[in-house]
Protein backbone atom coordinates (compact mmCIF):
# COMPACT_ATOMS: atom_id res chain seq x y z
CA GLN A 1 -21.77 45.35 -32.18
CA VAL A 2 -22.09 49.00 -31.62
CA GLN A 3 -19.42 51.40 -30.26
CA LEU A 4 -20.46 54.56 -28.49
CA VAL A 5 -18.30 57.49 -27.77
CA GLU A 6 -19.47 60.46 -25.79
CA SER A 7 -18.16 64.01 -25.93
CA GLY A 8 -19.01 67.52 -24.85
CA GLY A 9 -18.71 67.21 -21.09
CA GLY A 10 -16.91 69.78 -19.00
CA LEU A 11 -17.04 72.28 -16.11
CA VAL A 12 -19.73 74.86 -16.19
CA GLN A 13 -21.27 77.30 -13.71
CA ALA A 14 -24.84 76.78 -12.39
CA GLY A 15 -27.26 78.22 -14.88
CA GLY A 16 -25.04 77.43 -17.83
CA SER A 17 -25.38 75.07 -20.72
CA LEU A 18 -23.65 72.12 -22.27
CA ARG A 19 -24.30 69.96 -25.30
CA LEU A 20 -23.35 66.30 -25.10
CA SER A 21 -22.80 64.19 -28.22
CA CYS A 22 -22.60 60.44 -28.62
CA ALA A 23 -21.17 59.09 -31.84
CA ALA A 24 -22.21 55.59 -32.71
CA SER A 25 -20.27 53.22 -35.00
CA GLY A 26 -20.41 49.61 -36.05
CA ARG A 27 -23.84 48.07 -36.70
CA THR A 28 -25.70 51.36 -36.91
CA GLY A 29 -27.85 50.57 -39.96
CA SER A 30 -30.41 48.81 -37.85
CA ARG A 31 -32.92 50.49 -35.55
CA LEU A 32 -31.30 51.68 -32.31
CA ALA A 33 -33.19 53.09 -29.34
CA MET A 34 -30.78 55.33 -27.47
CA GLY A 35 -30.62 57.12 -24.15
CA TRP A 36 -28.59 59.00 -21.66
CA PHE A 37 -27.93 57.94 -18.08
CA ARG A 38 -25.77 59.52 -15.38
CA GLN A 39 -24.00 58.52 -12.27
CA ALA A 40 -22.95 60.86 -9.55
CA PRO A 41 -20.30 59.92 -6.95
CA GLY A 42 -21.70 57.57 -4.36
CA LYS A 43 -24.98 57.14 -6.20
CA GLU A 44 -26.50 54.63 -8.51
CA ARG A 45 -26.76 55.22 -12.21
CA GLU A 46 -29.96 56.87 -13.08
CA PHE A 47 -31.99 57.50 -16.21
CA VAL A 48 -31.83 60.97 -17.75
CA SER A 49 -33.44 60.83 -21.18
CA ALA A 50 -34.16 58.48 -24.15
CA ILE A 51 -35.34 58.60 -27.70
CA SER A 52 -36.85 56.10 -30.07
CA TRP A 53 -35.17 55.11 -33.41
CA ILE A 54 -37.16 57.56 -35.51
CA GLY A 55 -36.98 60.23 -32.88
CA SER A 56 -40.71 60.62 -32.59
CA ASN A 57 -40.82 59.50 -28.93
CA THR A 58 -38.67 61.15 -26.25
CA TYR A 59 -38.60 60.46 -22.52
CA TYR A 60 -37.16 62.41 -19.67
CA ALA A 61 -36.55 62.08 -15.98
CA ASP A 62 -38.60 64.49 -13.95
CA SER A 63 -35.43 66.08 -12.64
CA VAL A 64 -34.36 67.31 -16.16
CA LYS A 65 -37.73 67.82 -17.85
CA GLY A 66 -37.97 71.26 -19.29
CA ARG A 67 -34.13 71.83 -19.02
CA PHE A 68 -32.69 69.00 -21.15
CA THR A 69 -33.53 68.13 -24.77
CA ILE A 70 -32.58 64.86 -26.45
CA SER A 71 -32.26 64.58 -30.19
CA ARG A 72 -30.56 62.49 -32.82
CA ASP A 73 -29.23 62.71 -36.33
CA ASN A 74 -29.42 59.24 -37.83
CA ALA A 75 -27.62 60.35 -40.93
CA LYS A 76 -24.61 61.20 -38.70
CA ASN A 77 -25.22 58.29 -36.28
CA THR A 78 -25.13 60.76 -33.50
CA LEU A 79 -27.19 61.33 -30.33
CA TYR A 80 -27.28 64.62 -28.54
CA LEU A 81 -28.28 65.94 -25.18
CA GLU A 82 -28.78 69.73 -24.89
CA MET A 83 -28.49 70.66 -21.20
CA ASN A 84 -29.68 74.11 -20.07
CA SER A 85 -30.17 75.78 -16.70
CA LEU A 86 -27.65 73.31 -15.24
CA LYS A 87 -27.59 72.76 -11.49
CA PRO A 88 -24.88 71.44 -9.19
CA GLU A 89 -27.02 68.33 -8.75
CA ASP A 90 -26.59 67.65 -12.42
CA THR A 91 -22.92 66.87 -11.71
CA ALA A 92 -22.21 63.31 -12.83
CA VAL A 93 -20.61 61.10 -15.44
CA TYR A 94 -23.04 60.92 -18.34
CA TYR A 95 -23.28 57.71 -20.34
CA CYS A 96 -24.77 57.09 -23.72
CA ALA A 97 -26.58 53.80 -24.15
CA ALA A 98 -28.17 51.95 -27.06
CA THR A 99 -30.20 48.87 -27.81
CA PHE A 100 -31.72 47.16 -30.80
CA ARG A 101 -34.64 45.94 -28.62
CA ARG A 102 -38.03 47.26 -29.40
CA LEU A 103 -38.82 48.95 -26.13
CA SER A 104 -42.24 49.86 -24.83
CA SER A 105 -42.60 53.30 -23.36
CA ASN A 106 -42.03 52.22 -19.80
CA HIS A 107 -38.91 50.30 -20.59
CA TYR A 108 -36.85 53.18 -21.95
CA VAL A 109 -35.95 54.20 -18.43
CA GLY A 110 -34.34 50.94 -17.38
CA ASP A 111 -30.65 50.68 -17.83
CA ILE A 112 -30.88 46.85 -18.03
CA GLU A 113 -32.63 47.34 -21.34
CA TYR A 114 -29.63 48.71 -23.03
CA ASP A 115 -26.94 46.47 -24.59
CA TYR A 116 -24.36 49.04 -25.54
CA TRP A 117 -22.65 51.71 -23.39
CA GLY A 118 -20.10 54.43 -23.92
CA GLN A 119 -17.26 55.20 -21.56
CA GLY A 120 -18.95 58.32 -20.22
CA THR A 121 -18.21 61.99 -20.08
CA GLN A 122 -17.85 64.09 -16.97
CA VAL A 123 -20.18 67.04 -16.38
CA THR A 124 -19.36 69.20 -13.48
CA VAL A 125 -21.67 72.13 -12.46
CA SER A 126 -20.18 74.54 -10.01
CA SER A 127 -22.37 76.68 -7.66
């Protein structure tokens, strides 16, 4: 089992920045692919970004490409999402997700591929 706890959300003005963190605990010695998803009110959960176990492969939704950066520190069992140039449409609850499955590139974007989820952290971007 893996437990995930997100932090770093908050209220920011458009154009601002936030850094989300996701601390993993439990069975973290094995290889975990990890990702960020978000869900805005009245909308379905959507893929934001993902990263392979070693961190050599990263994936981004088109809507955040060039503005968000995903990274991980395996020594600290922590996943990060650096969010810059935030827009009101980035407002959502952001969820950290993880899986031990060996994902092919096109599978990182699917939320059904992830077995472990955090409780989420709210990000609100005001205009």
